[in-house]
Amino acid sequence: MPQPAILLISGDAEIERAACEAARGTGQALVVVRTAHEAVKQFAHGFEGYHLILVDLDPDVHGVTLFNALDDCHGKAPMVALTGCEEIYMKPLALGRGAAACLGKPVMAARFKRLFEEFCSTPVN
């Protein structure tokens, strides 16, 4: 069984940078997939071992489609949606599809750190 980790599905370099900084600061392992193709390959391996799944609803990674697919197969790991779109519109959409939270971009490392501490109880070395 793989070590517990956080899965980030995003093609946004700023989001990746902030999430990596937060993961280092909390001792969490972060797995990053940047495209819909990589995300679909991850689906085949399953989601066991993930504390948290972060899904960027960015259209470049087909985020809404991926989020809908994840809602059916993500297992027990909570999902958090990230959006650069109008948060007032996207938040109810994400929460209605099983998200534990929906964060509007930009998301700074400090916000990710709080999120990781909230959802990831066991640090990974």
N, C-alpha and C. Protein backbone atom coordinates (compact mmCIF):
# COMPACT_ATOMS: atom_id res chain seq x y z
N MET A 1 0.84 -1.18 0.00
CA MET A 1 0.00 0.00 0.00
C MET A 1 0.89 1.24 0.00
N PRO A 2 0.58 2.23 -0.87
CA PRO A 2 1.40 3.43 -0.92
C PRO A 2 1.26 4.26 0.37
N GLN A 3 2.27 5.10 0.61
CA GLN A 3 2.19 6.00 1.76
C GLN A 3 1.05 6.98 1.54
N PRO A 4 0.40 7.41 2.62
CA PRO A 4 -0.66 8.40 2.48
C PRO A 4 -0.13 9.67 1.82
N ALA A 5 -0.93 10.25 0.98
CA ALA A 5 -0.51 11.44 0.25
C ALA A 5 -1.72 12.30 -0.09
N ILE A 6 -1.42 13.44 -0.66
CA ILE A 6 -2.42 14.36 -1.19
C ILE A 6 -2.28 14.32 -2.70
N LEU A 7 -3.40 14.21 -3.40
CA LEU A 7 -3.39 14.23 -4.86
C LEU A 7 -3.86 15.60 -5.33
N LEU A 8 -3.06 16.25 -6.15
CA LEU A 8 -3.42 17.53 -6.75
C LEU A 8 -3.58 17.32 -8.24
N ILE A 9 -4.75 17.66 -8.77
CA ILE A 9 -5.01 17.60 -10.21
C ILE A 9 -5.15 19.04 -10.67
N SER A 10 -4.09 19.57 -11.29
CA SER A 10 -4.10 20.97 -11.70
C SER A 10 -3.00 21.23 -12.71
N GLY A 11 -3.30 22.05 -13.68
CA GLY A 11 -2.31 22.51 -14.64
C GLY A 11 -1.83 23.91 -14.33
N ASP A 12 -2.19 24.44 -13.16
CA ASP A 12 -1.86 25.80 -12.76
C ASP A 12 -0.55 25.80 -11.96
N ALA A 13 0.50 26.40 -12.52
CA ALA A 13 1.81 26.39 -11.87
C ALA A 13 1.79 27.09 -10.52
N GLU A 14 1.02 28.15 -10.37
CA GLU A 14 0.94 28.86 -9.08
C GLU A 14 0.28 28.00 -8.01
N ILE A 15 -0.76 27.28 -8.38
CA ILE A 15 -1.43 26.37 -7.45
C ILE A 15 -0.46 25.26 -7.05
N GLU A 16 0.24 24.71 -8.02
CA GLU A 16 1.19 23.63 -7.73
C GLU A 16 2.29 24.13 -6.78
N ARG A 17 2.82 25.30 -7.05
CA ARG A 17 3.88 25.86 -6.23
C ARG A 17 3.40 26.07 -4.78
N ALA A 18 2.22 26.65 -4.62
CA ALA A 18 1.69 26.89 -3.27
C ALA A 18 1.39 25.58 -2.55
N ALA A 19 0.84 24.60 -3.26
CA ALA A 19 0.52 23.32 -2.64
C ALA A 19 1.81 22.58 -2.24
N CYS A 20 2.84 22.65 -3.08
CA CYS A 20 4.12 22.01 -2.76
C CYS A 20 4.74 22.65 -1.52
N GLU A 21 4.70 23.96 -1.44
CA GLU A 21 5.24 24.67 -0.27
C GLU A 21 4.50 24.25 1.00
N ALA A 22 3.18 24.19 0.92
CA ALA A 22 2.38 23.79 2.09
C ALA A 22 2.64 22.34 2.47
N ALA A 23 2.77 21.47 1.48
CA ALA A 23 3.02 20.06 1.76
C ALA A 23 4.35 19.89 2.48
N ARG A 24 5.38 20.59 2.01
CA ARG A 24 6.69 20.53 2.68
C ARG A 24 6.56 21.01 4.12
N GLY A 25 5.79 22.08 4.33
CA GLY A 25 5.64 22.66 5.65
C GLY A 25 4.83 21.81 6.62
N THR A 26 4.05 20.87 6.10
CA THR A 26 3.24 20.02 6.97
C THR A 26 3.71 18.56 6.98
N GLY A 27 4.75 18.26 6.21
CA GLY A 27 5.26 16.90 6.17
C GLY A 27 4.40 15.94 5.37
N GLN A 28 3.56 16.47 4.49
CA GLN A 28 2.69 15.63 3.66
C GLN A 28 3.35 15.35 2.32
N ALA A 29 3.10 14.18 1.78
CA ALA A 29 3.54 13.85 0.42
C ALA A 29 2.49 14.39 -0.55
N LEU A 30 2.94 14.98 -1.63
CA LEU A 30 2.03 15.54 -2.63
C LEU A 30 2.31 14.88 -3.97
N VAL A 31 1.25 14.35 -4.58
CA VAL A 31 1.32 13.77 -5.92
C VAL A 31 0.60 14.74 -6.84
N VAL A 32 1.27 15.17 -7.91
CA VAL A 32 0.69 16.15 -8.83
C VAL A 32 0.46 15.52 -10.18
N VAL A 33 -0.75 15.67 -10.71
CA VAL A 33 -1.04 15.33 -12.10
C VAL A 33 -1.54 16.61 -12.76
N ARG A 34 -1.03 16.88 -13.97
CA ARG A 34 -1.26 18.18 -14.59
C ARG A 34 -2.26 18.18 -15.74
N THR A 35 -2.63 17.00 -16.21
CA THR A 35 -3.52 16.94 -17.37
C THR A 35 -4.66 15.96 -17.11
N ALA A 36 -5.69 16.07 -17.92
CA ALA A 36 -6.80 15.12 -17.83
C ALA A 36 -6.32 13.71 -18.12
N HIS A 37 -5.40 13.58 -19.06
CA HIS A 37 -4.86 12.26 -19.41
C HIS A 37 -4.17 11.62 -18.19
N GLU A 38 -3.32 12.39 -17.50
CA GLU A 38 -2.65 11.88 -16.31
C GLU A 38 -3.66 11.53 -15.21
N ALA A 39 -4.69 12.35 -15.08
CA ALA A 39 -5.71 12.10 -14.05
C ALA A 39 -6.46 10.80 -14.34
N VAL A 40 -6.80 10.57 -15.58
CA VAL A 40 -7.51 9.35 -15.95
C VAL A 40 -6.63 8.13 -15.68
N LYS A 41 -5.33 8.24 -15.95
CA LYS A 41 -4.42 7.15 -15.63
C LYS A 41 -4.42 6.88 -14.12
N GLN A 42 -4.52 7.94 -13.33
CA GLN A 42 -4.57 7.78 -11.88
C GLN A 42 -5.84 7.04 -11.46
N PHE A 43 -6.94 7.28 -12.16
CA PHE A 43 -8.20 6.59 -11.86
C PHE A 43 -7.99 5.08 -11.90
N ALA A 44 -7.19 4.62 -12.88
CA ALA A 44 -6.97 3.18 -13.04
C ALA A 44 -6.24 2.58 -11.85
N HIS A 45 -5.44 3.38 -11.15
CA HIS A 45 -4.69 2.90 -9.98
C HIS A 45 -5.50 3.02 -8.70
N GLY A 46 -6.62 3.70 -8.75
CA GLY A 46 -7.45 3.88 -7.57
C GLY A 46 -6.97 5.02 -6.69
N PHE A 47 -7.67 5.24 -5.61
CA PHE A 47 -7.40 6.39 -4.76
C PHE A 47 -7.09 6.00 -3.32
N GLU A 48 -6.82 4.72 -3.10
CA GLU A 48 -6.44 4.30 -1.76
C GLU A 48 -5.13 4.97 -1.38
N GLY A 49 -5.02 5.33 -0.14
CA GLY A 49 -3.80 5.94 0.34
C GLY A 49 -3.77 7.45 0.25
N TYR A 50 -4.79 8.06 -0.32
CA TYR A 50 -4.84 9.53 -0.37
C TYR A 50 -5.64 10.06 0.81
N HIS A 51 -5.05 11.05 1.48
CA HIS A 51 -5.75 11.76 2.55
C HIS A 51 -6.76 12.74 1.96
N LEU A 52 -6.40 13.30 0.81
CA LEU A 52 -7.13 14.43 0.26
C LEU A 52 -6.90 14.48 -1.25
N ILE A 53 -7.93 14.87 -1.99
CA ILE A 53 -7.81 15.05 -3.43
C ILE A 53 -8.22 16.48 -3.75
N LEU A 54 -7.31 17.23 -4.37
CA LEU A 54 -7.55 18.61 -4.78
C LEU A 54 -7.77 18.63 -6.29
N VAL A 55 -8.89 19.17 -6.73
CA VAL A 55 -9.21 19.19 -8.16
C VAL A 55 -9.40 20.63 -8.61
N ASP A 56 -8.55 21.06 -9.52
CA ASP A 56 -8.66 22.38 -10.11
C ASP A 56 -9.74 22.31 -11.18
N LEU A 57 -10.75 23.13 -11.07
CA LEU A 57 -11.84 23.10 -12.04
C LEU A 57 -11.50 23.88 -13.31
N ASP A 58 -10.23 24.13 -13.52
CA ASP A 58 -9.71 24.82 -14.69
C ASP A 58 -10.12 24.08 -15.96
N PRO A 59 -10.61 24.79 -16.96
CA PRO A 59 -11.02 24.11 -18.20
C PRO A 59 -9.86 23.46 -18.94
N ASP A 60 -8.62 23.93 -18.74
CA ASP A 60 -7.48 23.34 -19.45
C ASP A 60 -7.23 21.90 -19.04
N VAL A 61 -7.64 21.51 -17.82
CA VAL A 61 -7.49 20.12 -17.40
C VAL A 61 -8.84 19.42 -17.38
N HIS A 62 -9.86 20.04 -17.97
CA HIS A 62 -11.21 19.48 -18.00
C HIS A 62 -11.68 19.18 -16.58
N GLY A 63 -11.43 20.14 -15.67
CA GLY A 63 -11.65 19.94 -14.25
C GLY A 63 -13.06 19.56 -13.86
N VAL A 64 -14.07 20.18 -14.44
CA VAL A 64 -15.45 19.86 -14.05
C VAL A 64 -15.77 18.42 -14.43
N THR A 65 -15.34 18.00 -15.61
CA THR A 65 -15.57 16.61 -16.04
C THR A 65 -14.85 15.65 -15.11
N LEU A 66 -13.60 15.94 -14.79
CA LEU A 66 -12.84 15.08 -13.87
C LEU A 66 -13.49 15.05 -12.49
N PHE A 67 -13.95 16.20 -12.04
CA PHE A 67 -14.58 16.27 -10.72
C PHE A 67 -15.83 15.40 -10.68
N ASN A 68 -16.63 15.46 -11.72
CA ASN A 68 -17.83 14.63 -11.79
C ASN A 68 -17.46 13.15 -11.78
N ALA A 69 -16.42 12.76 -12.51
CA ALA A 69 -15.99 11.36 -12.52
C ALA A 69 -15.46 10.95 -11.16
N LEU A 70 -14.70 11.81 -10.52
CA LEU A 70 -14.17 11.51 -9.19
C LEU A 70 -15.27 11.30 -8.17
N ASP A 71 -16.34 12.02 -8.31
CA ASP A 71 -17.45 11.90 -7.36
C ASP A 71 -17.94 10.47 -7.28
N ASP A 72 -17.82 9.74 -8.38
CA ASP A 72 -18.27 8.35 -8.41
C ASP A 72 -17.23 7.34 -7.95
N CYS A 73 -15.94 7.72 -7.92
CA CYS A 73 -14.92 6.69 -7.68
C CYS A 73 -13.80 7.08 -6.72
N HIS A 74 -13.91 8.19 -6.02
CA HIS A 74 -12.78 8.66 -5.22
C HIS A 74 -12.61 7.95 -3.88
N GLY A 75 -13.52 7.10 -3.51
CA GLY A 75 -13.37 6.38 -2.25
C GLY A 75 -13.65 7.28 -1.06
N LYS A 76 -12.84 7.13 -0.02
CA LYS A 76 -13.10 7.86 1.22
C LYS A 76 -12.37 9.20 1.31
N ALA A 77 -11.43 9.45 0.43
CA ALA A 77 -10.66 10.69 0.50
C ALA A 77 -11.54 11.89 0.20
N PRO A 78 -11.52 12.89 1.07
CA PRO A 78 -12.31 14.10 0.77
C PRO A 78 -11.74 14.81 -0.46
N MET A 79 -12.62 15.44 -1.20
CA MET A 79 -12.23 16.21 -2.38
C MET A 79 -12.43 17.68 -2.11
N VAL A 80 -11.51 18.49 -2.59
CA VAL A 80 -11.63 19.94 -2.49
C VAL A 80 -11.49 20.50 -3.90
N ALA A 81 -12.45 21.34 -4.29
CA ALA A 81 -12.42 21.98 -5.60
C ALA A 81 -11.67 23.30 -5.50
N LEU A 82 -10.91 23.61 -6.54
CA LEU A 82 -10.20 24.88 -6.67
C LEU A 82 -10.74 25.54 -7.92
N THR A 83 -11.06 26.83 -7.84
CA THR A 83 -11.65 27.47 -9.01
C THR A 83 -11.19 28.90 -9.20
N GLY A 84 -10.97 29.24 -10.44
CA GLY A 84 -10.69 30.60 -10.82
C GLY A 84 -11.94 31.27 -11.36
N CYS A 85 -13.01 30.51 -11.43
CA CYS A 85 -14.29 31.02 -11.92
C CYS A 85 -15.03 31.72 -10.79
N GLU A 86 -16.17 32.22 -11.09
CA GLU A 86 -17.00 32.89 -10.10
C GLU A 86 -17.33 31.92 -8.97
N GLU A 87 -16.76 32.16 -7.80
CA GLU A 87 -16.91 31.24 -6.68
C GLU A 87 -18.38 31.11 -6.25
N ILE A 88 -19.14 32.16 -6.35
CA ILE A 88 -20.55 32.11 -5.96
C ILE A 88 -21.33 31.10 -6.81
N TYR A 89 -20.88 30.88 -8.04
CA TYR A 89 -21.49 29.91 -8.93
C TYR A 89 -20.90 28.51 -8.71
N MET A 90 -19.57 28.44 -8.61
CA MET A 90 -18.89 27.14 -8.57
C MET A 90 -19.02 26.43 -7.22
N LYS A 91 -19.08 27.18 -6.13
CA LYS A 91 -19.12 26.54 -4.81
C LYS A 91 -20.33 25.61 -4.66
N PRO A 92 -21.56 26.06 -4.96
CA PRO A 92 -22.70 25.14 -4.84
C PRO A 92 -22.59 23.95 -5.80
N LEU A 93 -22.03 24.17 -6.97
CA LEU A 93 -21.83 23.09 -7.94
C LEU A 93 -20.89 22.04 -7.36
N ALA A 94 -19.76 22.48 -6.81
CA ALA A 94 -18.77 21.54 -6.26
C ALA A 94 -19.31 20.84 -5.02
N LEU A 95 -19.91 21.58 -4.11
CA LEU A 95 -20.43 20.97 -2.88
C LEU A 95 -21.55 19.98 -3.21
N GLY A 96 -22.34 20.28 -4.21
CA GLY A 96 -23.41 19.39 -4.64
C GLY A 96 -22.91 18.10 -5.26
N ARG A 97 -21.65 18.09 -5.69
CA ARG A 97 -21.06 16.90 -6.29
C ARG A 97 -20.07 16.21 -5.35
N GLY A 98 -20.18 16.51 -4.07
CA GLY A 98 -19.40 15.78 -3.07
C GLY A 98 -18.16 16.45 -2.55
N ALA A 99 -17.88 17.69 -2.94
CA ALA A 99 -16.69 18.37 -2.43
C ALA A 99 -16.85 18.69 -0.96
N ALA A 100 -15.75 18.59 -0.23
CA ALA A 100 -15.75 18.98 1.18
C ALA A 100 -15.60 20.49 1.30
N ALA A 101 -15.02 21.12 0.26
CA ALA A 101 -14.84 22.58 0.24
C ALA A 101 -14.59 23.02 -1.19
N CYS A 102 -14.73 24.31 -1.41
CA CYS A 102 -14.43 24.91 -2.71
C CYS A 102 -13.68 26.20 -2.44
N LEU A 103 -12.46 26.30 -2.96
CA LEU A 103 -11.61 27.46 -2.73
C LEU A 103 -11.45 28.26 -4.00
N GLY A 104 -11.66 29.56 -3.91
CA GLY A 104 -11.43 30.45 -5.05
C GLY A 104 -9.96 30.77 -5.18
N LYS A 105 -9.50 30.84 -6.41
CA LYS A 105 -8.10 31.20 -6.68
C LYS A 105 -7.94 32.71 -6.58
N PRO A 106 -6.78 33.17 -6.24
CA PRO A 106 -5.58 32.39 -5.95
C PRO A 106 -5.66 31.75 -4.56
N VAL A 107 -4.98 30.62 -4.41
CA VAL A 107 -4.89 29.96 -3.11
C VAL A 107 -3.43 30.01 -2.70
N MET A 108 -3.17 30.64 -1.58
CA MET A 108 -1.81 30.79 -1.08
C MET A 108 -1.40 29.56 -0.26
N ALA A 109 -0.10 29.40 -0.09
CA ALA A 109 0.44 28.26 0.65
C ALA A 109 -0.13 28.19 2.06
N ALA A 110 -0.33 29.31 2.71
CA ALA A 110 -0.87 29.30 4.08
C ALA A 110 -2.27 28.70 4.12
N ARG A 111 -3.08 28.96 3.11
CA ARG A 111 -4.43 28.39 3.05
C ARG A 111 -4.36 26.89 2.81
N PHE A 112 -3.47 26.46 1.91
CA PHE A 112 -3.28 25.02 1.69
C PHE A 112 -2.80 24.35 2.98
N LYS A 113 -1.89 25.00 3.68
CA LYS A 113 -1.36 24.43 4.93
C LYS A 113 -2.49 24.18 5.92
N ARG A 114 -3.38 25.16 6.09
CA ARG A 114 -4.54 24.97 7.00
C ARG A 114 -5.43 23.83 6.51
N LEU A 115 -5.63 23.76 5.21
CA LEU A 115 -6.46 22.71 4.62
C LEU A 115 -5.83 21.34 4.87
N PHE A 116 -4.52 21.22 4.65
CA PHE A 116 -3.82 19.95 4.86
C PHE A 116 -3.88 19.54 6.33
N GLU A 117 -3.71 20.49 7.22
CA GLU A 117 -3.77 20.19 8.65
C GLU A 117 -5.18 19.74 9.06
N GLU A 118 -6.18 20.30 8.41
CA GLU A 118 -7.57 19.94 8.72
C GLU A 118 -7.91 18.53 8.24
N PHE A 119 -7.46 18.16 7.04
CA PHE A 119 -7.86 16.89 6.44
C PHE A 119 -6.83 15.77 6.56
N CYS A 120 -5.60 16.08 6.84
CA CYS A 120 -4.53 15.08 6.84
C CYS A 120 -3.95 14.94 8.23
N SER A 121 -4.43 13.97 8.95
CA SER A 121 -4.03 13.84 10.35
C SER A 121 -2.67 13.19 10.55
N THR A 122 -2.19 12.41 9.59
CA THR A 122 -0.95 11.68 9.77
C THR A 122 0.12 12.24 8.84
N PRO A 123 1.16 12.91 9.39
CA PRO A 123 2.23 13.42 8.53
C PRO A 123 2.98 12.27 7.84
N VAL A 124 3.46 12.54 6.66
CA VAL A 124 4.23 11.58 5.88
C VAL A 124 5.65 12.09 5.79
N ASN A 125 6.63 11.24 6.09
CA ASN A 125 8.04 11.66 6.02
C ASN A 125 8.67 11.24 4.72
